């Protein structure tokens, strides 16, 4: 996993502010260890009860954070069944789980 501890803590703090976020998975090059210096951070959020306005607020908080890398968020629970969802479920690395510190 190629994500700085500082960035991980920032993201976990943001996700913990949203009661509807159950779990977050890191996927893509930063999960597989093939990231380059400027690679983005791909995150899949599991939040089945999250409203569209909460999703917008979450995305804004992530975007406005002090993390210098671009962060791509997807909602795992709303992704259609298929290759991307299967890949994330198979290869994703949990970085946040509700109720855990």
PDB file of N, CA and C in Angstrom:
ATOM      1  N   UNK A   1       0.853  -1.174   0.000  1.00  0.00           N
ATOM      2  CA  UNK A   1       0.000   0.000   0.000  1.00  0.00           C
ATOM      3  C   UNK A   1       0.896   1.234   0.000  1.00  0.00           C
ATOM      4  N   UNK A   2       0.671   2.112  -0.961  1.00  0.00           N
ATOM      5  CA  UNK A   2       1.489   3.307  -1.106  1.00  0.00           C
ATOM      6  C   UNK A   2       0.662   4.551  -0.795  1.00  0.00           C
ATOM      7  N   UNK A   3       0.500   4.832   0.487  1.00  0.00           N
ATOM      8  CA  UNK A   3      -0.185   6.047   0.915  1.00  0.00           C
ATOM      9  C   UNK A   3       0.492   6.509   2.202  1.00  0.00           C
ATOM     10  N   UNK A   4       0.791   7.779   2.252  1.00  0.00           N
ATOM     11  CA  UNK A   4       1.491   8.302   3.429  1.00  0.00           C
ATOM     12  C   UNK A   4       0.603   8.183   4.668  1.00  0.00           C
ATOM     13  N   UNK A   5       1.220   7.893   5.794  1.00  0.00           N
ATOM     14  CA  UNK A   5       0.487   7.751   7.062  1.00  0.00           C
ATOM     15  C   UNK A   5      -0.290   9.018   7.382  1.00  0.00           C
ATOM     16  N   UNK A   6       0.300  10.160   7.140  1.00  0.00           N
ATOM     17  CA  UNK A   6      -0.362  11.447   7.384  1.00  0.00           C
ATOM     18  C   UNK A   6      -1.642  11.559   6.550  1.00  0.00           C
ATOM     19  N   UNK A   7      -1.561  11.206   5.273  1.00  0.00           N
ATOM     20  CA  UNK A   7      -2.727  11.269   4.392  1.00  0.00           C
ATOM     21  C   UNK A   7      -3.797  10.272   4.827  1.00  0.00           C
ATOM     22  N   UNK A   8      -3.370   9.107   5.241  1.00  0.00           N
ATOM     23  CA  UNK A   8      -4.300   8.086   5.716  1.00  0.00           C
ATOM     24  C   UNK A   8      -5.080   8.599   6.928  1.00  0.00           C
ATOM     25  N   UNK A   9      -4.392   9.217   7.855  1.00  0.00           N
ATOM     26  CA  UNK A   9      -5.046   9.744   9.062  1.00  0.00           C
ATOM     27  C   UNK A   9      -6.033  10.866   8.721  1.00  0.00           C
ATOM     28  N   UNK A  10      -5.662  11.722   7.769  1.00  0.00           N
ATOM     29  CA  UNK A  10      -6.567  12.790   7.330  1.00  0.00           C
ATOM     30  C   UNK A  10      -7.841  12.185   6.749  1.00  0.00           C
ATOM     31  N   UNK A  11      -7.677  11.210   5.875  1.00  0.00           N
ATOM     32  CA  UNK A  11      -8.842  10.569   5.254  1.00  0.00           C
ATOM     33  C   UNK A  11      -9.709   9.865   6.294  1.00  0.00           C
ATOM     34  N   UNK A  12      -9.096   9.144   7.198  1.00  0.00           N
ATOM     35  CA  UNK A  12      -9.858   8.443   8.232  1.00  0.00           C
ATOM     36  C   UNK A  12     -10.640   9.429   9.094  1.00  0.00           C
ATOM     37  N   UNK A  13     -10.046  10.571   9.410  1.00  0.00           N
ATOM     38  CA  UNK A  13     -10.743  11.583  10.203  1.00  0.00           C
ATOM     39  C   UNK A  13     -11.960  12.120   9.443  1.00  0.00           C
ATOM     40  N   UNK A  14     -11.804  12.347   8.151  1.00  0.00           N
ATOM     41  CA  UNK A  14     -12.936  12.821   7.344  1.00  0.00           C
ATOM     42  C   UNK A  14     -14.042  11.776   7.323  1.00  0.00           C
ATOM     43  N   UNK A  15     -13.694  10.531   7.028  1.00  0.00           N
ATOM     44  CA  UNK A  15     -14.717   9.483   6.934  1.00  0.00           C
ATOM     45  C   UNK A  15     -15.436   9.276   8.263  1.00  0.00           C
ATOM     46  N   UNK A  16     -14.731   9.446   9.366  1.00  0.00           N
ATOM     47  CA  UNK A  16     -15.339   9.233  10.681  1.00  0.00           C
ATOM     48  C   UNK A  16     -16.409  10.278  11.008  1.00  0.00           C
ATOM     49  N   UNK A  17     -16.398  11.396  10.306  1.00  0.00           N
ATOM     50  CA  UNK A  17     -17.410  12.445  10.523  1.00  0.00           C
ATOM     51  C   UNK A  17     -18.762  12.094   9.912  1.00  0.00           C
ATOM     52  N   UNK A  18     -18.795  11.069   9.099  1.00  0.00           N
ATOM     53  CA  UNK A  18     -20.024  10.700   8.388  1.00  0.00           C
ATOM     54  C   UNK A  18     -20.505   9.341   8.892  1.00  0.00           C
ATOM     55  N   UNK A  19     -21.581   9.356   9.660  1.00  0.00           N
ATOM     56  CA  UNK A  19     -22.095   8.128  10.274  1.00  0.00           C
ATOM     57  C   UNK A  19     -22.496   7.078   9.237  1.00  0.00           C
ATOM     58  N   UNK A  20     -22.864   7.511   8.057  1.00  0.00           N
ATOM     59  CA  UNK A  20     -23.317   6.552   7.039  1.00  0.00           C
ATOM     60  C   UNK A  20     -22.166   5.853   6.316  1.00  0.00           C
ATOM     61  N   UNK A  21     -20.927   6.308   6.511  1.00  0.00           N
ATOM     62  CA  UNK A  21     -19.778   5.630   5.883  1.00  0.00           C
ATOM     63  C   UNK A  21     -19.446   4.405   6.724  1.00  0.00           C
ATOM     64  N   UNK A  22     -19.612   3.251   6.122  1.00  0.00           N
ATOM     65  CA  UNK A  22     -19.329   1.993   6.828  1.00  0.00           C
ATOM     66  C   UNK A  22     -17.900   1.528   6.636  1.00  0.00           C
ATOM     67  N   UNK A  23     -17.395   1.705   5.396  1.00  0.00           N
ATOM     68  CA  UNK A  23     -16.091   1.141   5.061  1.00  0.00           C
ATOM     69  C   UNK A  23     -15.533   1.881   3.854  1.00  0.00           C
ATOM     70  N   UNK A  24     -14.202   1.961   3.773  1.00  0.00           N
ATOM     71  CA  UNK A  24     -13.540   2.570   2.617  1.00  0.00           C
ATOM     72  C   UNK A  24     -12.392   1.665   2.202  1.00  0.00           C
ATOM     73  N   UNK A  25     -12.308   1.412   0.905  1.00  0.00           N
ATOM     74  CA  UNK A  25     -11.264   0.548   0.344  1.00  0.00           C
ATOM     75  C   UNK A  25     -10.364   1.356  -0.586  1.00  0.00           C
ATOM     76  N   UNK A  26      -9.073   1.175  -0.431  1.00  0.00           N
ATOM     77  CA  UNK A  26      -8.090   1.726  -1.350  1.00  0.00           C
ATOM     78  C   UNK A  26      -7.929   0.720  -2.484  1.00  0.00           C
ATOM     79  N   UNK A  27      -7.966   1.218  -3.723  1.00  0.00           N
ATOM     80  CA  UNK A  27      -7.742   0.316  -4.862  1.00  0.00           C
ATOM     81  C   UNK A  27      -6.888   1.031  -5.893  1.00  0.00           C
ATOM     82  N   UNK A  28      -6.561   0.348  -6.951  1.00  0.00           N
ATOM     83  CA  UNK A  28      -5.738   0.948  -7.994  1.00  0.00           C
ATOM     84  C   UNK A  28      -4.252   0.822  -7.683  1.00  0.00           C
ATOM     85  N   UNK A  29      -3.478   1.699  -8.322  1.00  0.00           N
ATOM     86  CA  UNK A  29      -2.022   1.575  -8.246  1.00  0.00           C
ATOM     87  C   UNK A  29      -1.469   1.757  -6.837  1.00  0.00           C
ATOM     88  N   UNK A  30      -2.105   2.572  -6.027  1.00  0.00           N
ATOM     89  CA  UNK A  30      -1.604   2.762  -4.656  1.00  0.00           C
ATOM     90  C   UNK A  30      -1.879   1.541  -3.789  1.00  0.00           C
ATOM     91  N   UNK A  31      -2.870   0.756  -4.142  1.00  0.00           N
ATOM     92  CA  UNK A  31      -3.147  -0.491  -3.408  1.00  0.00           C
ATOM     93  C   UNK A  31      -2.232  -1.618  -3.878  1.00  0.00           C
ATOM     94  N   UNK A  32      -1.907  -1.613  -5.155  1.00  0.00           N
ATOM     95  CA  UNK A  32      -1.104  -2.707  -5.699  1.00  0.00           C
ATOM     96  C   UNK A  32       0.398  -2.468  -5.573  1.00  0.00           C
ATOM     97  N   UNK A  33       0.782  -1.254  -5.173  1.00  0.00           N
ATOM     98  CA  UNK A  33       2.200  -0.950  -5.035  1.00  0.00           C
ATOM     99  C   UNK A  33       2.862  -0.528  -6.324  1.00  0.00           C
ATOM    100  N   UNK A  34       2.080  -0.167  -7.332  1.00  0.00           N
ATOM    101  CA  UNK A  34       2.640   0.234  -8.618  1.00  0.00           C
ATOM    102  C   UNK A  34       2.465   1.726  -8.891  1.00  0.00           C
ATOM    103  N   UNK A  35       2.164   2.498  -7.857  1.00  0.00           N
ATOM    104  CA  UNK A  35       1.926   3.933  -8.028  1.00  0.00           C
ATOM    105  C   UNK A  35       3.210   4.655  -8.400  1.00  0.00           C
ATOM    106  N   UNK A  36       3.032   5.663  -9.204  1.00  0.00           N
ATOM    107  CA  UNK A  36       4.130   6.574  -9.511  1.00  0.00           C
ATOM    108  C   UNK A  36       4.003   7.765  -8.585  1.00  0.00           C
ATOM    109  N   UNK A  37       4.973   8.640  -8.642  1.00  0.00           N
ATOM    110  CA  UNK A  37       5.003   9.785  -7.734  1.00  0.00           C
ATOM    111  C   UNK A  37       3.719  10.605  -7.766  1.00  0.00           C
ATOM    112  N   UNK A  38       3.159  10.830  -8.935  1.00  0.00           N
ATOM    113  CA  UNK A  38       1.978  11.687  -9.063  1.00  0.00           C
ATOM    114  C   UNK A  38       0.670  10.901  -9.200  1.00  0.00           C
ATOM    115  N   UNK A  39       0.702   9.625  -8.945  1.00  0.00           N
ATOM    116  CA  UNK A  39      -0.520   8.814  -9.081  1.00  0.00           C
ATOM    117  C   UNK A  39      -1.606   9.287  -8.126  1.00  0.00           C
ATOM    118  N   UNK A  40      -2.833   9.188  -8.605  1.00  0.00           N
ATOM    119  CA  UNK A  40      -3.956   9.575  -7.756  1.00  0.00           C
ATOM    120  C   UNK A  40      -4.234   8.499  -6.711  1.00  0.00           C
ATOM    121  N   UNK A  41      -5.140   8.812  -5.816  1.00  0.00           N
ATOM    122  CA  UNK A  41      -5.560   7.881  -4.775  1.00  0.00           C
ATOM    123  C   UNK A  41      -6.991   7.478  -5.101  1.00  0.00           C
ATOM    124  N   UNK A  42      -7.209   6.188  -5.358  1.00  0.00           N
ATOM    125  CA  UNK A  42      -8.538   5.676  -5.703  1.00  0.00           C
ATOM    126  C   UNK A  42      -9.179   5.060  -4.465  1.00  0.00           C
ATOM    127  N   UNK A  43     -10.363   5.551  -4.108  1.00  0.00           N
ATOM    128  CA  UNK A  43     -11.057   5.075  -2.920  1.00  0.00           C
ATOM    129  C   UNK A  43     -12.488   4.680  -3.250  1.00  0.00           C
ATOM    130  N   UNK A  44     -12.899   3.537  -2.732  1.00  0.00           N
ATOM    131  CA  UNK A  44     -14.274   3.062  -2.872  1.00  0.00           C
ATOM    132  C   UNK A  44     -14.937   3.160  -1.500  1.00  0.00           C
ATOM    133  N   UNK A  45     -16.031   3.902  -1.442  1.00  0.00           N
ATOM    134  CA  UNK A  45     -16.731   4.160  -0.191  1.00  0.00           C
ATOM    135  C   UNK A  45     -17.989   3.303  -0.137  1.00  0.00           C
ATOM    136  N   UNK A  46     -18.176   2.614   0.979  1.00  0.00           N
ATOM    137  CA  UNK A  46     -19.391   1.832   1.210  1.00  0.00           C
ATOM    138  C   UNK A  46     -20.250   2.643   2.174  1.00  0.00           C
ATOM    139  N   UNK A  47     -21.359   3.181   1.642  1.00  0.00           N
ATOM    140  CA  UNK A  47     -22.246   4.034   2.439  1.00  0.00           C
ATOM    141  C   UNK A  47     -23.668   3.934   1.890  1.00  0.00           C
ATOM    142  N   UNK A  48     -24.316   2.782   2.062  1.00  0.00           N
ATOM    143  CA  UNK A  48     -25.614   2.564   1.431  1.00  0.00           C
ATOM    144  C   UNK A  48     -26.715   3.544   1.848  1.00  0.00           C
ATOM    145  N   UNK A  49     -26.624   4.115   3.037  1.00  0.00           N
ATOM    146  CA  UNK A  49     -27.667   5.032   3.493  1.00  0.00           C
ATOM    147  C   UNK A  49     -27.317   6.499   3.257  1.00  0.00           C
ATOM    148  N   UNK A  50     -26.212   6.779   2.612  1.00  0.00           N
ATOM    149  CA  UNK A  50     -25.765   8.163   2.433  1.00  0.00           C
ATOM    150  C   UNK A  50     -26.628   8.882   1.399  1.00  0.00           C
ATOM    151  N   UNK A  51     -27.080  10.064   1.762  1.00  0.00           N
ATOM    152  CA  UNK A  51     -27.888  10.884   0.851  1.00  0.00           C
ATOM    153  C   UNK A  51     -26.977  11.565  -0.171  1.00  0.00           C
ATOM    154  N   UNK A  52     -27.555  12.014  -1.277  1.00  0.00           N
ATOM    155  CA  UNK A  52     -26.754  12.734  -2.269  1.00  0.00           C
ATOM    156  C   UNK A  52     -26.076  13.988  -1.687  1.00  0.00           C
ATOM    157  N   UNK A  53     -26.754  14.698  -0.797  1.00  0.00           N
ATOM    158  CA  UNK A  53     -26.143  15.897  -0.212  1.00  0.00           C
ATOM    159  C   UNK A  53     -24.975  15.533   0.706  1.00  0.00           C
ATOM    160  N   UNK A  54     -25.109  14.427   1.440  1.00  0.00           N
ATOM    161  CA  UNK A  54     -23.988  13.972   2.276  1.00  0.00           C
ATOM    162  C   UNK A  54     -22.805  13.558   1.405  1.00  0.00           C
ATOM    163  N   UNK A  55     -23.091  12.881   0.280  1.00  0.00           N
ATOM    164  CA  UNK A  55     -22.021  12.465  -0.628  1.00  0.00           C
ATOM    165  C   UNK A  55     -21.270  13.687  -1.159  1.00  0.00           C
ATOM    166  N   UNK A  56     -22.019  14.718  -1.517  1.00  0.00           N
ATOM    167  CA  UNK A  56     -21.400  15.945  -2.001  1.00  0.00           C
ATOM    168  C   UNK A  56     -20.525  16.563  -0.918  1.00  0.00           C
ATOM    169  N   UNK A  57     -21.023  16.597   0.311  1.00  0.00           N
ATOM    170  CA  UNK A  57     -20.254  17.146   1.432  1.00  0.00           C
ATOM    171  C   UNK A  57     -18.981  16.333   1.681  1.00  0.00           C
ATOM    172  N   UNK A  58     -19.098  15.020   1.645  1.00  0.00           N
ATOM    173  CA  UNK A  58     -17.934  14.150   1.827  1.00  0.00           C
ATOM    174  C   UNK A  58     -16.895  14.422   0.735  1.00  0.00           C
ATOM    175  N   UNK A  59     -17.347  14.456  -0.498  1.00  0.00           N
ATOM    176  CA  UNK A  59     -16.425  14.696  -1.617  1.00  0.00           C
ATOM    177  C   UNK A  59     -15.742  16.052  -1.485  1.00  0.00           C
ATOM    178  N   UNK A  60     -16.483  17.070  -1.050  1.00  0.00           N
ATOM    179  CA  UNK A  60     -15.899  18.398  -0.868  1.00  0.00           C
ATOM    180  C   UNK A  60     -14.842  18.395   0.240  1.00  0.00           C
ATOM    181  N   UNK A  61     -15.133  17.716   1.342  1.00  0.00           N
ATOM    182  CA  UNK A  61     -14.160  17.667   2.438  1.00  0.00           C
ATOM    183  C   UNK A  61     -12.881  16.953   2.009  1.00  0.00           C
ATOM    184  N   UNK A  62     -13.027  15.877   1.249  1.00  0.00           N
ATOM    185  CA  UNK A  62     -11.845  15.158   0.749  1.00  0.00           C
ATOM    186  C   UNK A  62     -11.057  16.054  -0.200  1.00  0.00           C
ATOM    187  N   UNK A  63     -11.762  16.725  -1.101  1.00  0.00           N
ATOM    188  CA  UNK A  63     -11.106  17.584  -2.081  1.00  0.00           C
ATOM    189  C   UNK A  63     -10.401  18.766  -1.418  1.00  0.00           C
ATOM    190  N   UNK A  64     -10.990  19.307  -0.359  1.00  0.00           N
ATOM    191  CA  UNK A  64     -10.429  20.475   0.315  1.00  0.00           C
ATOM    192  C   UNK A  64      -9.371  20.115   1.367  1.00  0.00           C
ATOM    193  N   UNK A  65      -9.114  18.834   1.545  1.00  0.00           N
ATOM    194  CA  UNK A  65      -8.112  18.414   2.522  1.00  0.00           C
ATOM    195  C   UNK A  65      -6.718  18.850   2.059  1.00  0.00           C
ATOM    196  N   UNK A  66      -5.761  18.708   2.947  1.00  0.00           N
ATOM    197  CA  UNK A  66      -4.393  19.121   2.632  1.00  0.00           C
ATOM    198  C   UNK A  66      -3.605  18.056   1.866  1.00  0.00           C
ATOM    199  N   UNK A  67      -4.265  16.999   1.452  1.00  0.00           N
ATOM    200  CA  UNK A  67      -3.591  15.938   0.683  1.00  0.00           C
ATOM    201  C   UNK A  67      -3.280  16.478  -0.707  1.00  0.00           C
ATOM    202  N   UNK A  68      -2.036  16.342  -1.135  1.00  0.00           N
ATOM    203  CA  UNK A  68      -1.616  16.955  -2.402  1.00  0.00           C
ATOM    204  C   UNK A  68      -1.987  16.131  -3.633  1.00  0.00           C
ATOM    205  N   UNK A  69      -2.326  14.874  -3.452  1.00  0.00           N
ATOM    206  CA  UNK A  69      -2.654  14.023  -4.592  1.00  0.00           C
ATOM    207  C   UNK A  69      -4.129  14.146  -4.939  1.00  0.00           C
ATOM    208  N   UNK A  70      -4.437  13.933  -6.216  1.00  0.00           N
ATOM    209  CA  UNK A  70      -5.837  13.881  -6.620  1.00  0.00           C
ATOM    210  C   UNK A  70      -6.456  12.625  -6.023  1.00  0.00           C
ATOM    211  N   UNK A  71      -7.680  12.747  -5.546  1.00  0.00           N
ATOM    212  CA  UNK A  71      -8.376  11.611  -4.943  1.00  0.00           C
ATOM    213  C   UNK A  71      -9.640  11.351  -5.735  1.00  0.00           C
ATOM    214  N   UNK A  72      -9.778  10.124  -6.208  1.00  0.00           N
ATOM    215  CA  UNK A  72     -10.979   9.710  -6.931  1.00  0.00           C
ATOM    216  C   UNK A  72     -11.828   8.858  -6.003  1.00  0.00           C
ATOM    217  N   UNK A  73     -13.052   9.316  -5.749  1.00  0.00           N
ATOM    218  CA  UNK A  73     -13.989   8.576  -4.900  1.00  0.00           C
ATOM    219  C   UNK A  73     -15.057   7.917  -5.754  1.00  0.00           C
ATOM    220  N   UNK A  74     -15.384   6.686  -5.434  1.00  0.00           N
ATOM    221  CA  UNK A  74     -16.532   6.007  -6.024  1.00  0.00           C
ATOM    222  C   UNK A  74     -17.358   5.410  -4.890  1.00  0.00           C
ATOM    223  N   UNK A  75     -18.657   5.323  -5.112  1.00  0.00           N
ATOM    224  CA  UNK A  75     -19.520   4.664  -4.126  1.00  0.00           C
ATOM    225  C   UNK A  75     -19.656   3.213  -4.528  1.00  0.00           C
ATOM    226  N   UNK A  76     -19.072   2.349  -3.747  1.00  0.00           N
ATOM    227  CA  UNK A  76     -19.082   0.928  -4.069  1.00  0.00           C
ATOM    228  C   UNK A  76     -20.501   0.375  -4.101  1.00  0.00           C
ATOM    229  N   UNK A  77     -21.342   0.834  -3.181  1.00  0.00           N
ATOM    230  CA  UNK A  77     -22.708   0.302  -3.094  1.00  0.00           C
ATOM    231  C   UNK A  77     -23.591   0.738  -4.260  1.00  0.00           C
ATOM    232  N   UNK A  78     -23.198   1.745  -5.038  1.00  0.00           N
ATOM    233  CA  UNK A  78     -24.005   2.159  -6.183  1.00  0.00           C
ATOM    234  C   UNK A  78     -23.358   1.790  -7.521  1.00  0.00           C
ATOM    235  N   UNK A  79     -22.164   1.221  -7.486  1.00  0.00           N
ATOM    236  CA  UNK A  79     -21.527   0.780  -8.739  1.00  0.00           C
ATOM    237  C   UNK A  79     -22.314  -0.392  -9.313  1.00  0.00           C
ATOM    238  N   UNK A  80     -22.511  -0.403 -10.625  1.00  0.00           N
ATOM    239  CA  UNK A  80     -23.182  -1.565 -11.219  1.00  0.00           C
ATOM    240  C   UNK A  80     -22.303  -2.813 -11.092  1.00  0.00           C
ATOM    241  N   UNK A  81     -22.951  -3.948 -11.042  1.00  0.00           N
ATOM    242  CA  UNK A  81     -22.194  -5.207 -11.010  1.00  0.00           C
ATOM    243  C   UNK A  81     -21.329  -5.258 -12.263  1.00  0.00           C
ATOM    244  N   UNK A  82     -20.114  -5.704 -12.106  1.00  0.00           N
ATOM    245  CA  UNK A  82     -19.230  -5.788 -13.261  1.00  0.00           C
ATOM    246  C   UNK A  82     -17.780  -5.791 -12.852  1.00  0.00           C
ATOM    247  N   UNK A  83     -16.942  -5.589 -13.830  1.00  0.00           N
ATOM    248  CA  UNK A  83     -15.514  -5.744 -13.667  1.00  0.00           C
ATOM    249  C   UNK A  83     -14.922  -4.840 -12.593  1.00  0.00           C
ATOM    250  N   UNK A  84     -15.258  -3.538 -12.601  1.00  0.00           N
ATOM    251  CA  UNK A  84     -14.672  -2.617 -11.625  1.00  0.00           C
ATOM    252  C   UNK A  84     -15.076  -2.993 -10.206  1.00  0.00           C
ATOM    253  N   UNK A  85     -16.343  -3.248  -9.995  1.00  0.00           N
ATOM    254  CA  UNK A  85     -16.812  -3.603  -8.650  1.00  0.00           C
ATOM    255  C   UNK A  85     -16.158  -4.903  -8.179  1.00  0.00           C
ATOM    256  N   UNK A  86     -16.085  -5.885  -9.051  1.00  0.00           N
ATOM    257  CA  UNK A  86     -15.450  -7.156  -8.707  1.00  0.00           C
ATOM    258  C   UNK A  86     -13.976  -6.960  -8.362  1.00  0.00           C
ATOM    259  N   UNK A  87     -13.299  -6.114  -9.144  1.00  0.00           N
ATOM    260  CA  UNK A  87     -11.878  -5.829  -8.903  1.00  0.00           C
ATOM    261  C   UNK A  87     -11.684  -5.187  -7.531  1.00  0.00           C
ATOM    262  N   UNK A  88     -12.516  -4.189  -7.222  1.00  0.00           N
ATOM    263  CA  UNK A  88     -12.391  -3.500  -5.936  1.00  0.00           C
ATOM    264  C   UNK A  88     -12.636  -4.466  -4.786  1.00  0.00           C
ATOM    265  N   UNK A  89     -13.666  -5.285  -4.889  1.00  0.00           N
ATOM    266  CA  UNK A  89     -13.967  -6.242  -3.819  1.00  0.00           C
ATOM    267  C   UNK A  89     -12.858  -7.274  -3.639  1.00  0.00           C
ATOM    268  N   UNK A  90     -12.212  -7.634  -4.737  1.00  0.00           N
ATOM    269  CA  UNK A  90     -11.156  -8.639  -4.692  1.00  0.00           C
ATOM    270  C   UNK A  90      -9.821  -8.058  -4.236  1.00  0.00           C
ATOM    271  N   UNK A  91      -9.476  -6.872  -4.727  1.00  0.00           N
ATOM    272  CA  UNK A  91      -8.133  -6.321  -4.525  1.00  0.00           C
ATOM    273  C   UNK A  91      -8.078  -5.139  -3.562  1.00  0.00           C
ATOM    274  N   UNK A  92      -9.222  -4.572  -3.216  1.00  0.00           N
ATOM    275  CA  UNK A  92      -9.231  -3.374  -2.374  1.00  0.00           C
ATOM    276  C   UNK A  92      -8.670  -3.628  -0.977  1.00  0.00           C
ATOM    277  N   UNK A  93      -7.982  -2.635  -0.456  1.00  0.00           N
ATOM    278  CA  UNK A  93      -7.398  -2.703   0.881  1.00  0.00           C
ATOM    279  C   UNK A  93      -8.205  -1.791   1.801  1.00  0.00           C
ATOM    280  N   UNK A  94      -8.798  -2.342   2.857  1.00  0.00           N
ATOM    281  CA  UNK A  94      -9.569  -1.496   3.768  1.00  0.00           C
ATOM    282  C   UNK A  94      -8.680  -0.456   4.459  1.00  0.00           C
ATOM    283  N   UNK A  95      -9.100   0.809   4.376  1.00  0.00           N
ATOM    284  CA  UNK A  95      -8.363   1.868   5.085  1.00  0.00           C
ATOM    285  C   UNK A  95      -9.231   2.520   6.160  1.00  0.00           C
ATOM    286  N   UNK A  96     -10.527   2.223   6.133  1.00  0.00           N
ATOM    287  CA  UNK A  96     -11.427   2.755   7.161  1.00  0.00           C
ATOM    288  C   UNK A  96     -12.566   1.767   7.360  1.00  0.00           C
ATOM    289  N   UNK A  97     -12.899   1.536   8.617  1.00  0.00           N
ATOM    290  CA  UNK A  97     -14.028   0.690   8.993  1.00  0.00           C
ATOM    291  C   UNK A  97     -14.745   1.413  10.128  1.00  0.00           C
ATOM    292  N   UNK A  98     -16.033   1.682   9.963  1.00  0.00           N
ATOM    293  CA  UNK A  98     -16.787   2.389  11.007  1.00  0.00           C
ATOM    294  C   UNK A  98     -16.649   1.664  12.334  1.00  0.00           C
ATOM    295  N   UNK A  99     -16.460   2.427  13.387  1.00  0.00           N
ATOM    296  CA  UNK A  99     -16.359   1.852  14.719  1.00  0.00           C
ATOM    297  C   UNK A  99     -14.970   1.408  15.126  1.00  0.00           C
ATOM    298  N   UNK A 100     -14.013   1.486  14.212  1.00  0.00           N
ATOM    299  CA  UNK A 100     -12.627   1.126  14.542  1.00  0.00           C
ATOM    300  C   UNK A 100     -11.788   2.380  14.580  1.00  0.00           C
ATOM    301  N   UNK A 101     -10.803   2.403  15.442  1.00  0.00           N
ATOM    302  CA  UNK A 101      -9.918   3.572  15.508  1.00  0.00           C
ATOM    303  C   UNK A 101      -8.703   3.365  14.648  1.00  0.00           C
TER     304      UNK A 101
END
